[in-house]
Amino acid sequence: MDTPELEVDDEIVLRPVNRRILPEVKRAYLEDPDATRSALPWLKDGEEAIRQIADLMLDLEMHRSGDVVHFWAIHRLTDNAFVGMIGLGDELQLAASAYNLGYWVVKSSRGRGITNRCVDRIFNWLEQTKGQALVEITVHPHNEAGLSTCRSIMERWGGLAVEGFVGIEVEGRTVPHILHLVQIDKVVE
């Protein structure tokens, strides 16, 4: 199943990631490198990060024709401005999981509920297209904004936090994260 374009609402659209957005992603990274590394913890610093982001864009573009990975660039409809990325990846903690949800909104667009609206649209798409899908969300326990967003997703979608921590590899060391799970079931009409 190819990654589709998804209209979120009258403000936001999700477009499958492609390498043409690299200049916008690079600007967003340079605006707030720490937040970018929070979303992409494997990123190095400086120019190496830019090369890694370029490789990521190319990799995600190549995977958009399939059902293993689905990543979107978040754009405002009014001016087509890039405001972040969100996606369903394959970096999984549990064998039963279908996807890991990752999201990142640029600094100037945070605090507007963009991530939650995008998650709802993506989960609705999953409900319509998949029989079932267990989705993981891993958040560092000190990432207050990420935890707040995750709690909101759990409340709306009936998810739960797994007791204890899971280890995520970050710069050669294992860092504890909280694992959250959401079961998406196909809507039966």
N, C-alpha and C. Protein backbone atom coordinates (compact mmCIF):
# COMPACT_ATOMS: atom_id res chain seq x y z
N MET A 1 0.85 -1.17 0.00
CA MET A 1 0.00 0.00 0.00
C MET A 1 0.90 1.24 0.00
N ASP A 2 0.79 2.05 -1.01
CA ASP A 2 1.59 3.27 -1.11
C ASP A 2 1.17 4.28 -0.04
N THR A 3 2.12 5.11 0.35
CA THR A 3 1.82 6.18 1.31
C THR A 3 1.02 7.25 0.58
N PRO A 4 -0.21 7.51 1.03
CA PRO A 4 -1.05 8.49 0.33
C PRO A 4 -0.86 9.91 0.88
N GLU A 5 -1.29 10.89 0.11
CA GLU A 5 -1.44 12.24 0.65
C GLU A 5 -2.70 12.23 1.49
N LEU A 6 -2.64 12.84 2.67
CA LEU A 6 -3.78 12.87 3.58
C LEU A 6 -4.10 14.30 3.97
N GLU A 7 -5.29 14.74 3.68
CA GLU A 7 -5.72 16.06 4.14
C GLU A 7 -6.18 15.90 5.59
N VAL A 8 -5.57 16.67 6.47
CA VAL A 8 -5.88 16.57 7.89
C VAL A 8 -7.11 17.40 8.23
N ASP A 9 -7.08 18.66 7.82
CA ASP A 9 -8.20 19.58 8.05
C ASP A 9 -8.01 20.76 7.10
N ASP A 10 -8.68 21.88 7.36
CA ASP A 10 -8.57 23.02 6.44
C ASP A 10 -7.28 23.81 6.62
N GLU A 11 -6.40 23.34 7.54
CA GLU A 11 -5.12 24.02 7.77
C GLU A 11 -3.90 23.17 7.37
N ILE A 12 -4.00 21.84 7.52
CA ILE A 12 -2.83 20.96 7.40
C ILE A 12 -3.07 19.85 6.38
N VAL A 13 -2.02 19.53 5.63
CA VAL A 13 -2.01 18.39 4.72
C VAL A 13 -0.74 17.59 4.97
N LEU A 14 -0.86 16.27 4.85
CA LEU A 14 0.29 15.37 4.97
C LEU A 14 0.64 14.87 3.58
N ARG A 15 1.90 15.10 3.18
CA ARG A 15 2.37 14.66 1.87
C ARG A 15 3.50 13.65 2.05
N PRO A 16 3.48 12.56 1.28
CA PRO A 16 4.56 11.59 1.41
C PRO A 16 5.93 12.28 1.30
N VAL A 17 6.84 11.90 2.20
CA VAL A 17 8.17 12.52 2.23
C VAL A 17 8.91 12.23 0.92
N ASN A 18 9.57 13.26 0.41
CA ASN A 18 10.48 13.09 -0.72
C ASN A 18 11.67 14.02 -0.53
N ARG A 19 12.71 13.77 -1.28
CA ARG A 19 13.97 14.51 -1.08
C ARG A 19 13.87 15.99 -1.43
N ARG A 20 12.82 16.40 -2.14
CA ARG A 20 12.69 17.82 -2.50
C ARG A 20 12.48 18.72 -1.28
N ILE A 21 12.06 18.13 -0.16
CA ILE A 21 11.86 18.96 1.04
C ILE A 21 13.13 19.11 1.87
N LEU A 22 14.24 18.56 1.40
CA LEU A 22 15.49 18.62 2.16
C LEU A 22 15.86 20.04 2.59
N PRO A 23 15.79 21.06 1.72
CA PRO A 23 16.13 22.41 2.19
C PRO A 23 15.26 22.88 3.36
N GLU A 24 13.97 22.53 3.34
CA GLU A 24 13.07 22.92 4.43
C GLU A 24 13.40 22.17 5.71
N VAL A 25 13.72 20.88 5.59
CA VAL A 25 14.07 20.08 6.76
C VAL A 25 15.40 20.58 7.34
N LYS A 26 16.33 20.92 6.47
CA LYS A 26 17.63 21.44 6.92
C LYS A 26 17.43 22.76 7.70
N ARG A 27 16.59 23.66 7.17
CA ARG A 27 16.32 24.92 7.89
C ARG A 27 15.70 24.65 9.26
N ALA A 28 14.76 23.72 9.30
CA ALA A 28 14.10 23.38 10.57
C ALA A 28 15.11 22.79 11.56
N TYR A 29 16.01 21.95 11.07
CA TYR A 29 17.05 21.37 11.93
C TYR A 29 17.93 22.48 12.49
N LEU A 30 18.37 23.40 11.63
CA LEU A 30 19.25 24.48 12.06
C LEU A 30 18.56 25.42 13.04
N GLU A 31 17.23 25.55 12.92
CA GLU A 31 16.45 26.39 13.83
C GLU A 31 16.44 25.81 15.25
N ASP A 32 16.41 24.48 15.36
CA ASP A 32 16.31 23.85 16.68
C ASP A 32 16.91 22.44 16.63
N PRO A 33 18.26 22.34 16.61
CA PRO A 33 18.90 21.03 16.50
C PRO A 33 18.55 20.07 17.64
N ASP A 34 18.40 20.59 18.86
CA ASP A 34 18.10 19.71 20.00
C ASP A 34 16.75 19.01 19.84
N ALA A 35 15.75 19.75 19.42
CA ALA A 35 14.42 19.15 19.22
C ALA A 35 14.46 18.14 18.08
N THR A 36 15.23 18.43 17.04
CA THR A 36 15.34 17.51 15.92
C THR A 36 15.99 16.21 16.39
N ARG A 37 17.04 16.33 17.21
CA ARG A 37 17.71 15.14 17.73
C ARG A 37 16.83 14.38 18.71
N SER A 38 15.90 15.07 19.35
CA SER A 38 14.96 14.38 20.23
C SER A 38 14.05 13.47 19.40
N ALA A 39 13.65 13.94 18.23
CA ALA A 39 12.81 13.13 17.33
C ALA A 39 13.63 12.09 16.58
N LEU A 40 14.87 12.43 16.25
CA LEU A 40 15.78 11.55 15.51
C LEU A 40 17.05 11.39 16.34
N PRO A 41 17.00 10.59 17.41
CA PRO A 41 18.11 10.55 18.37
C PRO A 41 19.44 10.06 17.81
N TRP A 42 19.44 9.44 16.66
CA TRP A 42 20.67 8.94 16.05
C TRP A 42 21.43 10.02 15.28
N LEU A 43 20.85 11.23 15.16
CA LEU A 43 21.52 12.30 14.42
C LEU A 43 22.81 12.73 15.12
N LYS A 44 23.84 12.94 14.33
CA LYS A 44 25.09 13.51 14.84
C LYS A 44 24.95 15.04 14.84
N ASP A 45 26.01 15.75 15.12
CA ASP A 45 25.98 17.21 15.12
C ASP A 45 26.43 17.77 13.77
N GLY A 46 26.02 19.03 13.51
CA GLY A 46 26.54 19.82 12.39
C GLY A 46 26.31 19.23 11.01
N GLU A 47 27.35 19.31 10.18
CA GLU A 47 27.25 18.88 8.78
C GLU A 47 26.95 17.40 8.65
N GLU A 48 27.43 16.60 9.59
CA GLU A 48 27.13 15.16 9.55
C GLU A 48 25.62 14.94 9.68
N ALA A 49 24.96 15.74 10.50
CA ALA A 49 23.50 15.64 10.65
C ALA A 49 22.80 15.96 9.34
N ILE A 50 23.29 16.96 8.63
CA ILE A 50 22.68 17.33 7.34
C ILE A 50 22.81 16.16 6.36
N ARG A 51 23.96 15.51 6.33
CA ARG A 51 24.13 14.33 5.45
C ARG A 51 23.19 13.21 5.87
N GLN A 52 23.05 13.00 7.17
CA GLN A 52 22.16 11.96 7.65
C GLN A 52 20.70 12.26 7.30
N ILE A 53 20.31 13.52 7.41
CA ILE A 53 18.94 13.92 7.06
C ILE A 53 18.71 13.71 5.57
N ALA A 54 19.69 14.05 4.74
CA ALA A 54 19.57 13.83 3.29
C ALA A 54 19.40 12.35 2.99
N ASP A 55 20.19 11.50 3.65
CA ASP A 55 20.06 10.05 3.47
C ASP A 55 18.68 9.56 3.91
N LEU A 56 18.18 10.11 5.03
CA LEU A 56 16.86 9.75 5.53
C LEU A 56 15.78 10.10 4.51
N MET A 57 15.85 11.31 3.95
CA MET A 57 14.84 11.74 2.96
C MET A 57 14.82 10.78 1.77
N LEU A 58 15.98 10.43 1.29
CA LEU A 58 16.07 9.51 0.14
C LEU A 58 15.53 8.13 0.51
N ASP A 59 15.90 7.64 1.70
CA ASP A 59 15.44 6.34 2.15
C ASP A 59 13.91 6.31 2.30
N LEU A 60 13.35 7.35 2.91
CA LEU A 60 11.90 7.41 3.10
C LEU A 60 11.18 7.52 1.76
N GLU A 61 11.75 8.26 0.82
CA GLU A 61 11.14 8.37 -0.50
C GLU A 61 11.11 7.00 -1.18
N MET A 62 12.19 6.25 -1.05
CA MET A 62 12.25 4.93 -1.69
C MET A 62 11.27 3.95 -1.05
N HIS A 63 10.95 4.12 0.23
CA HIS A 63 10.06 3.19 0.94
C HIS A 63 8.59 3.58 0.88
N ARG A 64 8.24 4.67 0.23
CA ARG A 64 6.84 5.08 0.26
C ARG A 64 5.94 4.21 -0.61
N SER A 65 6.54 3.38 -1.45
CA SER A 65 5.76 2.41 -2.22
C SER A 65 5.92 1.05 -1.55
N GLY A 66 5.15 0.83 -0.54
CA GLY A 66 5.21 -0.41 0.23
C GLY A 66 4.40 -0.23 1.49
N ASP A 67 4.45 -1.22 2.37
CA ASP A 67 3.63 -1.12 3.58
C ASP A 67 4.44 -1.24 4.86
N VAL A 68 5.76 -1.09 4.76
CA VAL A 68 6.59 -1.22 5.95
C VAL A 68 6.77 0.12 6.65
N VAL A 69 6.91 1.18 5.87
CA VAL A 69 7.18 2.52 6.40
C VAL A 69 6.27 3.52 5.66
N HIS A 70 5.67 4.42 6.44
CA HIS A 70 4.85 5.50 5.87
C HIS A 70 5.25 6.80 6.58
N PHE A 71 5.87 7.73 5.85
CA PHE A 71 6.27 9.00 6.44
C PHE A 71 5.75 10.16 5.61
N TRP A 72 5.30 11.19 6.32
CA TRP A 72 4.73 12.36 5.68
C TRP A 72 5.45 13.64 6.12
N ALA A 73 5.50 14.59 5.21
CA ALA A 73 5.88 15.96 5.55
C ALA A 73 4.58 16.68 5.89
N ILE A 74 4.61 17.45 6.97
CA ILE A 74 3.43 18.21 7.38
C ILE A 74 3.56 19.60 6.76
N HIS A 75 2.54 20.01 5.99
CA HIS A 75 2.55 21.33 5.35
C HIS A 75 1.26 22.09 5.70
N ARG A 76 1.42 23.39 5.86
CA ARG A 76 0.26 24.27 6.00
C ARG A 76 -0.35 24.46 4.62
N LEU A 77 -1.66 24.41 4.53
CA LEU A 77 -2.33 24.59 3.25
C LEU A 77 -2.28 26.03 2.76
N THR A 78 -2.33 26.99 3.68
CA THR A 78 -2.42 28.39 3.27
C THR A 78 -1.21 28.87 2.50
N ASP A 79 0.00 28.44 2.93
CA ASP A 79 1.21 28.93 2.27
C ASP A 79 2.18 27.81 1.90
N ASN A 80 1.75 26.55 2.05
CA ASN A 80 2.55 25.38 1.74
C ASN A 80 3.82 25.27 2.59
N ALA A 81 3.86 25.96 3.72
CA ALA A 81 5.05 25.94 4.58
C ALA A 81 5.22 24.57 5.23
N PHE A 82 6.47 24.10 5.28
CA PHE A 82 6.83 22.86 5.97
C PHE A 82 6.78 23.12 7.47
N VAL A 83 6.02 22.29 8.20
CA VAL A 83 5.92 22.48 9.65
C VAL A 83 6.33 21.24 10.44
N GLY A 84 6.80 20.20 9.76
CA GLY A 84 7.27 19.03 10.49
C GLY A 84 7.16 17.75 9.69
N MET A 85 7.42 16.66 10.39
CA MET A 85 7.31 15.32 9.80
C MET A 85 6.64 14.40 10.80
N ILE A 86 5.96 13.41 10.26
CA ILE A 86 5.31 12.41 11.10
C ILE A 86 5.29 11.11 10.31
N GLY A 87 5.40 10.01 11.01
CA GLY A 87 5.39 8.77 10.25
C GLY A 87 5.28 7.52 11.08
N LEU A 88 5.07 6.44 10.34
CA LEU A 88 4.98 5.11 10.89
C LEU A 88 6.21 4.35 10.41
N GLY A 89 7.10 4.05 11.33
CA GLY A 89 8.35 3.40 10.98
C GLY A 89 8.40 1.95 11.41
N ASP A 90 9.57 1.35 11.20
CA ASP A 90 9.74 -0.07 11.50
C ASP A 90 10.79 -0.33 12.58
N GLU A 91 11.12 0.67 13.37
CA GLU A 91 12.05 0.50 14.51
C GLU A 91 11.21 0.05 15.70
N LEU A 92 11.01 -1.26 15.85
CA LEU A 92 10.03 -1.78 16.79
C LEU A 92 10.67 -2.41 18.02
N GLN A 93 9.97 -2.32 19.14
CA GLN A 93 10.38 -2.94 20.39
C GLN A 93 9.73 -4.30 20.58
N LEU A 94 8.52 -4.49 20.06
CA LEU A 94 7.76 -5.72 20.25
C LEU A 94 7.51 -6.41 18.90
N ALA A 95 7.62 -7.72 18.89
CA ALA A 95 7.41 -8.48 17.66
C ALA A 95 5.98 -8.34 17.13
N ALA A 96 5.02 -8.11 18.01
CA ALA A 96 3.62 -8.01 17.61
C ALA A 96 3.27 -6.66 16.98
N SER A 97 4.14 -5.68 17.10
CA SER A 97 3.84 -4.34 16.61
C SER A 97 3.98 -4.25 15.10
N ALA A 98 3.14 -3.40 14.51
CA ALA A 98 3.21 -3.14 13.06
C ALA A 98 4.07 -1.93 12.76
N TYR A 99 3.97 -0.89 13.61
CA TYR A 99 4.66 0.37 13.34
C TYR A 99 5.11 1.03 14.63
N ASN A 100 6.07 1.95 14.49
CA ASN A 100 6.45 2.87 15.54
C ASN A 100 6.09 4.26 15.04
N LEU A 101 5.32 5.00 15.81
CA LEU A 101 4.93 6.36 15.42
C LEU A 101 6.01 7.34 15.85
N GLY A 102 6.46 8.17 14.91
CA GLY A 102 7.41 9.23 15.22
C GLY A 102 6.87 10.55 14.70
N TYR A 103 7.16 11.63 15.42
CA TYR A 103 6.66 12.94 15.00
C TYR A 103 7.62 14.03 15.45
N TRP A 104 7.59 15.11 14.68
CA TRP A 104 8.46 16.26 14.96
C TRP A 104 7.82 17.48 14.30
N VAL A 105 7.55 18.50 15.07
CA VAL A 105 6.99 19.76 14.56
C VAL A 105 8.01 20.86 14.81
N VAL A 106 8.22 21.71 13.80
CA VAL A 106 9.21 22.78 13.92
C VAL A 106 8.82 23.74 15.04
N LYS A 107 9.83 24.36 15.60
CA LYS A 107 9.67 25.21 16.77
C LYS A 107 8.58 26.27 16.60
N SER A 108 8.56 26.93 15.46
CA SER A 108 7.61 28.03 15.24
C SER A 108 6.16 27.56 15.10
N SER A 109 5.92 26.26 14.99
CA SER A 109 4.55 25.75 14.82
C SER A 109 4.08 24.88 15.98
N ARG A 110 4.86 24.80 17.04
CA ARG A 110 4.46 23.98 18.19
C ARG A 110 3.37 24.66 19.00
N GLY A 111 2.69 23.85 19.81
CA GLY A 111 1.66 24.39 20.70
C GLY A 111 0.34 24.68 20.01
N ARG A 112 0.13 24.12 18.82
CA ARG A 112 -1.10 24.38 18.06
C ARG A 112 -1.91 23.10 17.82
N GLY A 113 -1.51 22.01 18.44
CA GLY A 113 -2.24 20.76 18.28
C GLY A 113 -2.02 20.06 16.95
N ILE A 114 -0.97 20.47 16.22
CA ILE A 114 -0.73 19.90 14.89
C ILE A 114 -0.45 18.40 14.98
N THR A 115 0.41 17.98 15.91
CA THR A 115 0.74 16.57 16.01
C THR A 115 -0.50 15.74 16.30
N ASN A 116 -1.31 16.15 17.25
CA ASN A 116 -2.51 15.39 17.59
C ASN A 116 -3.47 15.28 16.42
N ARG A 117 -3.64 16.35 15.67
CA ARG A 117 -4.55 16.31 14.52
C ARG A 117 -4.00 15.37 13.44
N CYS A 118 -2.68 15.41 13.24
CA CYS A 118 -2.06 14.52 12.24
C CYS A 118 -2.16 13.06 12.67
N VAL A 119 -1.91 12.79 13.95
CA VAL A 119 -2.01 11.42 14.46
C VAL A 119 -3.43 10.89 14.25
N ASP A 120 -4.43 11.70 14.58
CA ASP A 120 -5.81 11.26 14.39
C ASP A 120 -6.09 10.91 12.94
N ARG A 121 -5.59 11.73 12.03
CA ARG A 121 -5.82 11.47 10.60
C ARG A 121 -5.11 10.19 10.16
N ILE A 122 -3.89 9.98 10.61
CA ILE A 122 -3.13 8.78 10.25
C ILE A 122 -3.78 7.54 10.85
N PHE A 123 -4.20 7.61 12.11
CA PHE A 123 -4.84 6.46 12.73
C PHE A 123 -6.18 6.16 12.06
N ASN A 124 -6.91 7.19 11.66
CA ASN A 124 -8.16 6.97 10.92
C ASN A 124 -7.87 6.27 9.59
N TRP A 125 -6.80 6.68 8.91
CA TRP A 125 -6.39 6.03 7.67
C TRP A 125 -6.06 4.57 7.93
N LEU A 126 -5.32 4.29 9.02
CA LEU A 126 -5.00 2.90 9.37
C LEU A 126 -6.27 2.09 9.62
N GLU A 127 -7.23 2.68 10.33
CA GLU A 127 -8.49 1.99 10.60
C GLU A 127 -9.18 1.57 9.30
N GLN A 128 -9.09 2.42 8.29
CA GLN A 128 -9.78 2.16 7.02
C GLN A 128 -9.02 1.19 6.12
N THR A 129 -7.71 1.07 6.30
CA THR A 129 -6.91 0.30 5.35
C THR A 129 -6.33 -1.00 5.88
N LYS A 130 -6.19 -1.13 7.18
CA LYS A 130 -5.56 -2.32 7.76
C LYS A 130 -6.60 -3.15 8.52
N GLY A 131 -6.36 -4.43 8.62
CA GLY A 131 -7.21 -5.26 9.47
C GLY A 131 -6.98 -4.90 10.93
N GLN A 132 -5.72 -4.89 11.32
CA GLN A 132 -5.30 -4.50 12.67
C GLN A 132 -3.89 -3.96 12.59
N ALA A 133 -3.56 -3.10 13.54
CA ALA A 133 -2.19 -2.60 13.61
C ALA A 133 -1.91 -2.16 15.04
N LEU A 134 -0.89 -2.74 15.63
CA LEU A 134 -0.42 -2.31 16.94
C LEU A 134 0.68 -1.27 16.69
N VAL A 135 0.48 -0.07 17.23
CA VAL A 135 1.40 1.04 17.00
C VAL A 135 2.11 1.39 18.30
N GLU A 136 3.44 1.46 18.22
CA GLU A 136 4.26 1.84 19.37
C GLU A 136 4.59 3.34 19.30
N ILE A 137 4.70 3.94 20.48
CA ILE A 137 5.24 5.30 20.60
C ILE A 137 6.23 5.25 21.75
N THR A 138 7.49 5.58 21.48
CA THR A 138 8.49 5.61 22.55
C THR A 138 8.87 7.06 22.83
N VAL A 139 8.89 7.40 24.12
CA VAL A 139 9.18 8.77 24.53
C VAL A 139 10.18 8.75 25.68
N HIS A 140 11.17 9.63 25.59
CA HIS A 140 12.13 9.77 26.69
C HIS A 140 11.37 10.31 27.91
N PRO A 141 11.62 9.76 29.11
CA PRO A 141 10.86 10.17 30.29
C PRO A 141 11.03 11.63 30.69
N HIS A 142 12.05 12.33 30.18
CA HIS A 142 12.23 13.75 30.49
C HIS A 142 11.70 14.66 29.39
N ASN A 143 11.15 14.11 28.33
CA ASN A 143 10.60 14.89 27.22
C ASN A 143 9.15 15.24 27.56
N GLU A 144 8.97 16.31 28.32
CA GLU A 144 7.64 16.69 28.80
C GLU A 144 6.64 16.94 27.67
N ALA A 145 7.08 17.64 26.62
CA ALA A 145 6.17 17.91 25.51
C ALA A 145 5.77 16.61 24.81
N GLY A 146 6.75 15.74 24.59
CA GLY A 146 6.47 14.45 23.96
C GLY A 146 5.54 13.59 24.81
N LEU A 147 5.76 13.59 26.13
CA LEU A 147 4.90 12.83 27.03
C LEU A 147 3.48 13.39 27.05
N SER A 148 3.35 14.71 27.03
CA SER A 148 2.04 15.33 27.01
C SER A 148 1.27 14.95 25.74
N THR A 149 1.95 15.03 24.61
CA THR A 149 1.32 14.64 23.34
C THR A 149 0.93 13.17 23.39
N CYS A 150 1.81 12.35 23.89
CA CYS A 150 1.56 10.91 23.96
C CYS A 150 0.37 10.61 24.88
N ARG A 151 0.29 11.27 26.02
CA ARG A 151 -0.85 11.06 26.92
C ARG A 151 -2.16 11.42 26.23
N SER A 152 -2.14 12.49 25.47
CA SER A 152 -3.33 12.90 24.74
C SER A 152 -3.73 11.85 23.70
N ILE A 153 -2.75 11.31 23.00
CA ILE A 153 -3.01 10.25 22.02
C ILE A 153 -3.59 9.02 22.73
N MET A 154 -3.00 8.64 23.86
CA MET A 154 -3.47 7.47 24.61
C MET A 154 -4.92 7.64 25.05
N GLU A 155 -5.27 8.85 25.50
CA GLU A 155 -6.64 9.11 25.95
C GLU A 155 -7.63 8.99 24.79
N ARG A 156 -7.29 9.57 23.66
CA ARG A 156 -8.22 9.55 22.52
C ARG A 156 -8.34 8.19 21.86
N TRP A 157 -7.25 7.42 21.87
CA TRP A 157 -7.22 6.17 21.12
C TRP A 157 -7.19 4.93 22.01
N GLY A 158 -7.37 5.09 23.31
CA GLY A 158 -7.44 3.94 24.21
C GLY A 158 -6.14 3.18 24.34
N GLY A 159 -5.03 3.90 24.26
CA GLY A 159 -3.73 3.25 24.38
C GLY A 159 -3.29 3.13 25.82
N LEU A 160 -2.10 2.55 26.00
CA LEU A 160 -1.57 2.39 27.35
C LEU A 160 -0.06 2.46 27.35
N ALA A 161 0.47 2.84 28.50
CA ALA A 161 1.92 2.85 28.69
C ALA A 161 2.32 1.50 29.28
N VAL A 162 3.38 0.92 28.75
CA VAL A 162 3.90 -0.35 29.26
C VAL A 162 4.72 -0.07 30.51
N GLU A 163 4.54 -0.89 31.52
CA GLU A 163 5.27 -0.73 32.77
C GLU A 163 6.78 -0.85 32.54
N GLY A 164 7.56 0.01 33.17
CA GLY A 164 9.01 -0.04 33.06
C GLY A 164 9.51 0.75 31.86
N PHE A 165 10.75 0.52 31.50
CA PHE A 165 11.38 1.24 30.40
C PHE A 165 11.88 0.27 29.35
N VAL A 166 12.02 0.78 28.13
CA VAL A 166 12.69 0.04 27.06
C VAL A 166 13.93 0.83 26.69
N GLY A 167 14.96 0.12 26.28
CA GLY A 167 16.22 0.78 25.92
C GLY A 167 16.25 1.15 24.45
N ILE A 168 16.51 2.42 24.17
CA ILE A 168 16.66 2.91 22.80
C ILE A 168 18.13 3.31 22.64
N GLU A 169 18.73 2.85 21.56
CA GLU A 169 20.14 3.13 21.29
C GLU A 169 20.30 4.57 20.80
N VAL A 170 21.05 5.39 21.54
CA VAL A 170 21.30 6.78 21.19
C VAL A 170 22.79 7.04 21.32
N GLU A 171 23.44 7.37 20.21
CA GLU A 171 24.86 7.68 20.19
C GLU A 171 25.71 6.63 20.90
N GLY A 172 25.42 5.37 20.61
CA GLY A 172 26.23 4.29 21.15
C GLY A 172 25.91 3.88 22.57
N ARG A 173 24.89 4.46 23.17
CA ARG A 173 24.52 4.03 24.52
C ARG A 173 23.01 3.81 24.60
N THR A 174 22.61 2.99 25.52
CA THR A 174 21.20 2.66 25.69
C THR A 174 20.55 3.67 26.62
N VAL A 175 19.48 4.29 26.15
CA VAL A 175 18.77 5.32 26.92
C VAL A 175 17.35 4.83 27.20
N PRO A 176 16.91 4.86 28.46
CA PRO A 176 15.56 4.38 28.78
C PRO A 176 14.48 5.28 28.20
N HIS A 177 13.45 4.66 27.65
CA HIS A 177 12.28 5.35 27.11
C HIS A 177 11.02 4.65 27.63
N ILE A 178 9.93 5.38 27.64
CA ILE A 178 8.64 4.81 28.00
C ILE A 178 7.97 4.35 26.71
N LEU A 179 7.49 3.11 26.72
CA LEU A 179 6.82 2.55 25.56
C LEU A 179 5.32 2.63 25.75
N HIS A 180 4.65 3.21 24.74
CA HIS A 180 3.20 3.30 24.72
C HIS A 180 2.69 2.49 23.54
N LEU A 181 1.51 1.90 23.70
CA LEU A 181 0.93 1.07 22.65
C LEU A 181 -0.51 1.50 22.35
N VAL A 182 -0.83 1.52 21.06
CA VAL A 182 -2.20 1.81 20.62
C VAL A 182 -2.59 0.71 19.63
N GLN A 183 -3.72 0.05 19.91
CA GLN A 183 -4.24 -0.96 19.00
C GLN A 183 -5.24 -0.31 18.06
N ILE A 184 -4.95 -0.37 16.77
CA ILE A 184 -5.86 0.16 15.76
C ILE A 184 -6.60 -1.03 15.15
N ASP A 185 -7.91 -0.97 15.16
CA ASP A 185 -8.73 -2.02 14.56
C ASP A 185 -9.56 -1.43 13.44
N LYS A 186 -9.75 -2.21 12.39
CA LYS A 186 -10.52 -1.75 11.23
C LYS A 186 -11.96 -1.49 11.68
N VAL A 187 -12.47 -0.37 11.23
CA VAL A 187 -13.86 0.00 11.53
C VAL A 187 -14.78 -0.91 10.73
N VAL A 188 -15.70 -1.58 11.42
CA VAL A 188 -16.67 -2.44 10.74
C VAL A 188 -17.97 -1.68 10.65
N GLU A 189 -18.46 -1.57 9.43
CA GLU A 189 -19.71 -0.80 9.21
C GLU A 189 -20.89 -1.73 9.04
